[in-house]
Amino acid sequence: MTAILLDGQALADKVKDDVANEVDRLAFSPGLGTILVGDDPASHSYVGAKIRDCEEVGITSIHEHLPADITQETLIATIELFNADPQIHAYIVQLPLPPQLDEEAALLAIDPNKDADGLHPVNLGRLVMGVDGPTPCTPRGIQMMLETYNVPVEGQHVCVIGRGLTIGRPMALLLALKRATANAAVTVVHTGVADLGQYTRQADIIIAAAGVPNLVTPDMVKPGAAVIGGGITREGKRILSDVDESVGDIAGWVTPRLGGVGPMTRAMLLKNTVDAALASLK
């Protein structure tokens, strides 16, 4: 591999140290809430990791685990309790929800100022306008990786593969804004496009967030480009990236299969929580 490795784990560790220092300077402990419905193993694992992250940096973790067979009314009532609790500065409703529950209604019920994931329509609207507010965790983490590892972004061509709510759409908005580590020309494509390579080969930065294993191959990459694997697929216990590992032979920068974007997503959740706690003081 000739590419510079975009080590998300090392950067996430630094972010967590910075968050811990911010928490130490506060006269109170910021609270991060999680609402988990049912017993999905991946969701349990993810929420458990969030709780451990909170313990490491001094953030109070408030967790509510609800049975899989609850009604929509019960879920909304729990969300309203989290909205009203002054000890909870930011929180998430862990997805996916059981099939009888309306995910859209649940997410809309979240207080936008406590939206730890930055995906409430109010916060996506703030992002469109370039107004400060909670920023979606994965795009925020990717932007920080680009900045930290000195990947040129301003005036460059970024190709985002995937138009999903959690990464693709907000990522494109974030990097197109006229601000530091942004101001790029952004193209958004998806797996329904006949020839992805005709777009990616023109790009200085490729951000793959389609959830298709090894989607981006060396023949799709301009030599020296930065390639970010934002999407993952689970194959048994193995986690596969959207970016084929051999891309590192031609790219200028590349994320590893493990320890790339994932740790930064969790780190940004902690940063969003501290930001929400600070905003609550204004």
Protein backbone atom coordinates (compact mmCIF):
# COMPACT_ATOMS: atom_id res chain seq x y z
CA MET A 1 0.00 0.00 0.00
CA THR A 2 1.33 3.42 -0.98
CA ALA A 3 -1.58 5.53 0.29
CA ILE A 4 -1.54 7.49 3.53
CA LEU A 5 -3.78 5.64 5.97
CA LEU A 6 -6.64 7.72 7.35
CA ASP A 7 -6.51 6.24 10.85
CA GLY A 8 -9.94 6.96 12.30
CA GLN A 9 -9.26 5.12 15.55
CA ALA A 10 -6.22 7.23 16.41
CA LEU A 11 -8.11 10.44 15.61
CA ALA A 12 -11.19 9.28 17.56
CA ASP A 13 -8.99 8.67 20.61
CA LYS A 14 -7.73 12.25 20.36
CA VAL A 15 -11.28 13.58 20.00
CA LYS A 16 -12.31 11.63 23.11
CA ASP A 17 -9.39 13.14 25.03
CA ASP A 18 -10.49 16.61 23.94
CA VAL A 19 -14.09 15.87 24.93
CA ALA A 20 -12.96 14.61 28.35
CA ASN A 21 -11.04 17.88 28.86
CA GLU A 22 -14.12 19.90 27.88
CA VAL A 23 -16.26 17.90 30.31
CA ASP A 24 -13.72 18.53 33.10
CA ARG A 25 -14.10 22.28 32.60
CA LEU A 26 -17.88 22.14 33.00
CA ALA A 27 -19.60 22.46 36.36
CA PHE A 28 -21.90 19.57 35.47
CA SER A 29 -21.80 16.30 33.56
CA PRO A 30 -23.37 16.38 30.08
CA GLY A 31 -25.99 13.66 29.61
CA LEU A 32 -26.27 11.42 26.54
CA GLY A 33 -29.48 9.40 26.34
CA THR A 34 -30.21 6.25 24.36
CA ILE A 35 -33.61 4.68 23.70
CA LEU A 36 -33.36 1.06 22.57
CA VAL A 37 -36.43 -0.94 21.58
CA GLY A 38 -36.23 -4.71 21.34
CA ASP A 39 -33.29 -7.10 21.23
CA ASP A 40 -31.52 -6.58 17.91
CA PRO A 41 -27.94 -7.84 18.59
CA ALA A 42 -26.20 -5.21 16.47
CA SER A 43 -28.19 -2.42 18.15
CA HIS A 44 -27.37 -3.81 21.60
CA SER A 45 -23.69 -3.90 20.71
CA TYR A 46 -23.73 -0.36 19.33
CA VAL A 47 -25.58 1.09 22.32
CA GLY A 48 -23.26 -0.77 24.70
CA ALA A 49 -20.26 0.80 22.96
CA LYS A 50 -21.83 4.26 23.32
CA ILE A 51 -22.33 3.69 27.04
CA ARG A 52 -18.67 2.67 27.44
CA ASP A 53 -17.56 5.73 25.46
CA CYS A 54 -19.53 7.96 27.84
CA GLU A 55 -17.86 6.39 30.86
CA GLU A 56 -14.42 7.04 29.36
CA VAL A 57 -14.96 10.79 28.90
CA GLY A 58 -17.13 11.63 31.92
CA ILE A 59 -20.47 11.97 30.12
CA THR A 60 -23.50 10.65 32.00
CA SER A 61 -25.25 7.87 30.09
CA ILE A 62 -29.04 7.62 30.50
CA HIS A 63 -30.38 4.47 28.88
CA GLU A 64 -33.94 3.24 28.40
CA HIS A 65 -34.46 -0.29 27.06
CA LEU A 66 -38.04 -0.93 25.97
CA PRO A 67 -39.65 -4.28 25.03
CA ALA A 68 -39.99 -5.12 21.34
CA ASP A 69 -43.80 -5.22 21.50
CA ILE A 70 -44.41 -1.68 22.78
CA THR A 71 -46.92 0.62 21.11
CA GLN A 72 -46.15 3.83 19.23
CA GLU A 73 -47.78 5.75 22.08
CA THR A 74 -45.35 4.27 24.60
CA LEU A 75 -42.35 5.13 22.44
CA ILE A 76 -43.50 8.72 21.91
CA ALA A 77 -44.16 9.08 25.64
CA THR A 78 -40.58 7.95 26.36
CA ILE A 79 -39.22 10.42 23.81
CA GLU A 80 -41.21 13.21 25.45
CA LEU A 81 -39.73 12.29 28.83
CA PHE A 82 -36.23 12.56 27.33
CA ASN A 83 -37.14 15.92 25.77
CA ALA A 84 -38.23 17.23 29.16
CA ASP A 85 -35.35 15.81 31.25
CA PRO A 86 -32.81 18.61 31.96
CA GLN A 87 -30.14 15.99 32.74
CA ILE A 88 -30.28 14.75 29.13
CA HIS A 89 -28.58 17.21 26.78
CA ALA A 90 -28.62 14.98 23.68
CA TYR A 91 -29.99 11.56 22.84
CA ILE A 92 -30.67 9.03 20.13
CA VAL A 93 -33.47 6.63 19.30
CA GLN A 94 -31.58 3.55 18.14
CA LEU A 95 -32.63 2.26 14.73
CA PRO A 96 -33.99 0.01 13.36
CA LEU A 97 -37.23 -0.06 15.33
CA PRO A 98 -39.59 -3.07 15.40
CA PRO A 99 -41.95 -3.15 12.39
CA GLN A 100 -45.08 -1.99 14.26
CA LEU A 101 -43.41 1.34 15.10
CA ASP A 102 -43.23 4.43 12.88
CA GLU A 103 -39.56 5.45 12.70
CA GLU A 104 -40.30 8.76 10.98
CA ALA A 105 -42.81 9.80 13.66
CA ALA A 106 -40.34 8.84 16.39
CA LEU A 107 -37.51 10.87 14.90
CA LEU A 108 -39.77 13.88 14.34
CA ALA A 109 -40.74 13.78 18.02
CA ILE A 110 -37.15 14.39 19.16
CA ASP A 111 -36.36 17.90 20.38
CA PRO A 112 -34.08 19.22 17.58
CA ASN A 113 -31.75 20.79 20.15
CA LYS A 114 -31.26 17.36 21.76
CA ASP A 115 -30.81 15.54 18.46
CA ALA A 116 -27.45 13.81 19.00
CA ASP A 117 -27.42 12.34 15.48
CA GLY A 118 -28.18 15.66 13.76
CA LEU A 119 -30.81 14.06 11.52
CA HIS A 120 -33.96 15.89 12.60
CA PRO A 121 -35.42 17.89 9.67
CA VAL A 122 -34.80 21.12 11.59
CA ASN A 123 -31.10 20.29 11.89
CA LEU A 124 -30.82 19.17 8.27
CA GLY A 125 -32.43 22.50 7.38
CA ARG A 126 -29.82 24.29 9.48
CA LEU A 127 -27.15 22.41 7.55
CA VAL A 128 -28.66 23.49 4.22
CA MET A 129 -28.58 27.11 5.42
CA GLY A 130 -25.09 26.83 6.87
CA VAL A 131 -26.42 27.67 10.34
CA ASP A 132 -24.82 26.18 13.46
CA GLY A 133 -26.59 23.15 14.88
CA PRO A 134 -26.09 19.42 15.51
CA THR A 135 -24.28 17.94 12.50
CA PRO A 136 -24.78 14.30 11.45
CA CYS A 137 -22.07 12.27 13.17
CA THR A 138 -20.53 10.33 10.29
CA PRO A 139 -20.23 13.30 7.87
CA ARG A 140 -18.81 15.43 10.69
CA GLY A 141 -16.27 12.71 11.46
CA ILE A 142 -15.27 12.32 7.81
CA GLN A 143 -14.79 16.07 7.45
CA MET A 144 -12.53 16.08 10.51
CA MET A 145 -10.49 13.19 9.06
CA LEU A 146 -9.96 15.10 5.81
CA GLU A 147 -8.83 18.17 7.73
CA THR A 148 -6.56 16.32 10.16
CA TYR A 149 -4.77 14.33 7.46
CA ASN A 150 -4.34 17.42 5.24
CA VAL A 151 -6.49 16.22 2.37
CA PRO A 152 -7.19 19.25 0.12
CA VAL A 153 -10.94 19.86 -0.09
CA GLU A 154 -11.56 23.47 -1.11
CA GLY A 155 -12.13 23.72 -4.85
CA GLN A 156 -11.71 19.97 -5.27
CA HIS A 157 -14.13 17.51 -6.87
CA VAL A 158 -15.80 15.20 -4.35
CA CYS A 159 -17.83 12.21 -5.49
CA VAL A 160 -20.23 10.84 -2.87
CA ILE A 161 -21.57 7.37 -3.62
CA GLY A 162 -24.87 6.95 -1.79
CA ARG A 163 -27.75 9.30 -1.06
CA GLY A 164 -28.83 7.97 2.33
CA LEU A 165 -30.00 10.20 5.16
CA THR A 166 -27.21 9.31 7.59
CA ILE A 167 -24.19 9.85 5.32
CA GLY A 168 -24.68 10.60 1.62
CA ARG A 169 -27.08 13.53 1.59
CA PRO A 170 -25.70 15.43 4.61
CA MET A 171 -22.12 14.71 3.50
CA ALA A 172 -22.74 16.39 0.16
CA LEU A 173 -24.33 19.41 1.85
CA LEU A 174 -21.51 19.74 4.38
CA LEU A 175 -18.66 19.67 1.87
CA ALA A 176 -20.41 22.09 -0.51
CA LEU A 177 -20.73 24.82 2.14
CA LYS A 178 -18.51 27.88 1.79
CA ARG A 179 -16.45 27.27 4.89
CA ALA A 180 -13.15 25.73 6.01
CA THR A 181 -12.50 22.12 4.93
CA ALA A 182 -15.37 22.39 2.47
CA ASN A 183 -16.22 24.64 -0.49
CA ALA A 184 -15.90 21.66 -2.85
CA ALA A 185 -17.64 20.74 -6.09
CA VAL A 186 -19.75 17.75 -5.05
CA THR A 187 -21.28 15.05 -7.24
CA VAL A 188 -23.74 12.58 -5.69
CA VAL A 189 -24.19 9.23 -7.40
CA HIS A 190 -25.66 5.88 -6.34
CA THR A 191 -25.64 2.19 -7.23
CA GLY A 192 -28.44 2.72 -9.73
CA VAL A 193 -26.01 4.61 -11.97
CA ALA A 194 -24.88 2.47 -14.91
CA ASP A 195 -21.16 3.35 -14.78
CA LEU A 196 -20.00 4.67 -11.43
CA GLY A 197 -16.41 4.72 -12.61
CA GLN A 198 -17.02 7.52 -15.12
CA TYR A 199 -17.79 9.78 -12.14
CA THR A 200 -15.32 8.47 -9.55
CA ARG A 201 -12.33 8.63 -11.92
CA GLN A 202 -12.84 12.40 -12.16
CA ALA A 203 -12.91 12.87 -8.39
CA ASP A 204 -10.18 14.12 -6.08
CA ILE A 205 -12.07 12.65 -3.13
CA ILE A 206 -14.38 9.61 -3.19
CA ILE A 207 -16.70 8.98 -0.24
CA ALA A 208 -18.40 5.60 -0.58
CA ALA A 209 -21.53 5.22 1.56
CA ALA A 210 -23.63 2.68 -0.31
CA GLY A 211 -23.29 -0.38 1.92
CA VAL A 212 -21.98 -2.55 -0.93
CA PRO A 213 -18.84 -4.57 -0.14
CA ASN A 214 -15.74 -3.69 -2.20
CA LEU A 215 -17.78 -1.41 -4.44
CA VAL A 216 -14.87 0.95 -5.15
CA THR A 217 -12.02 -0.83 -6.95
CA PRO A 218 -8.64 0.50 -8.12
CA ASP A 219 -9.79 0.99 -11.72
CA MET A 220 -12.40 3.49 -10.43
CA VAL A 221 -9.86 5.73 -8.68
CA LYS A 222 -7.77 8.58 -10.03
CA PRO A 223 -4.14 8.12 -8.88
CA GLY A 224 -3.52 10.15 -5.72
CA ALA A 225 -7.20 10.62 -4.85
CA ALA A 226 -8.49 10.29 -1.29
CA VAL A 227 -10.89 7.38 -0.82
CA ILE A 228 -13.17 7.12 2.22
CA GLY A 229 -15.12 3.97 3.03
CA GLY A 230 -18.20 5.22 4.86
CA GLY A 231 -20.45 2.22 4.25
CA ILE A 232 -20.05 -1.22 5.78
CA THR A 233 -21.60 -4.65 5.35
CA ARG A 234 -21.54 -7.48 7.89
CA GLU A 235 -20.66 -10.92 6.57
CA GLY A 236 -20.99 -13.14 9.60
CA LYS A 237 -18.53 -11.69 12.14
CA ARG A 238 -16.50 -9.97 9.41
CA ILE A 239 -17.05 -6.31 8.56
CA LEU A 240 -16.54 -5.36 4.91
CA SER A 241 -15.96 -1.84 3.62
CA ASP A 242 -17.39 -0.25 0.49
CA VAL A 243 -13.75 0.25 -0.56
CA ASP A 244 -11.69 -2.68 -1.80
CA GLU A 245 -8.45 -2.91 0.18
CA SER A 246 -6.36 -2.92 -3.02
CA VAL A 247 -7.42 0.70 -3.64
CA GLY A 248 -4.57 1.65 -1.30
CA ASP A 249 -2.11 0.81 -4.09
CA ILE A 250 -3.29 3.73 -6.23
CA ALA A 251 -4.96 6.22 -3.86
CA GLY A 252 -3.16 9.07 -2.11
CA TRP A 253 -5.17 8.58 1.08
CA VAL A 254 -7.45 5.71 2.10
CA THR A 255 -9.40 4.54 5.13
CA PRO A 256 -8.64 1.06 6.53
CA ARG A 257 -11.28 -1.67 6.49
CA LEU A 258 -11.39 -1.50 10.31
CA GLY A 259 -10.66 1.57 12.41
CA GLY A 260 -11.63 4.10 9.76
CA VAL A 261 -14.91 5.99 9.77
CA GLY A 262 -16.68 3.91 12.45
CA PRO A 263 -14.72 5.14 15.49
CA MET A 264 -15.11 8.72 14.30
CA THR A 265 -18.90 8.37 14.15
CA ARG A 266 -19.00 7.39 17.82
CA ALA A 267 -16.54 10.14 18.76
CA MET A 268 -18.69 12.76 17.03
CA LEU A 269 -21.70 11.57 19.03
CA LEU A 270 -19.79 12.52 22.18
CA LYS A 271 -18.77 15.87 20.65
CA ASN A 272 -22.38 16.61 19.67
CA THR A 273 -23.43 15.87 23.26
CA VAL A 274 -20.91 18.32 24.73
CA ASP A 275 -21.90 20.93 22.13
CA ALA A 276 -25.56 20.48 23.13
CA ALA A 277 -24.67 20.85 26.81
CA LEU A 278 -22.80 24.08 26.09
CA ALA A 279 -25.68 25.37 23.94
CA SER A 280 -28.09 24.73 26.83
CA LEU A 281 -26.20 27.32 28.89
CA LYS A 282 -26.87 30.15 26.41
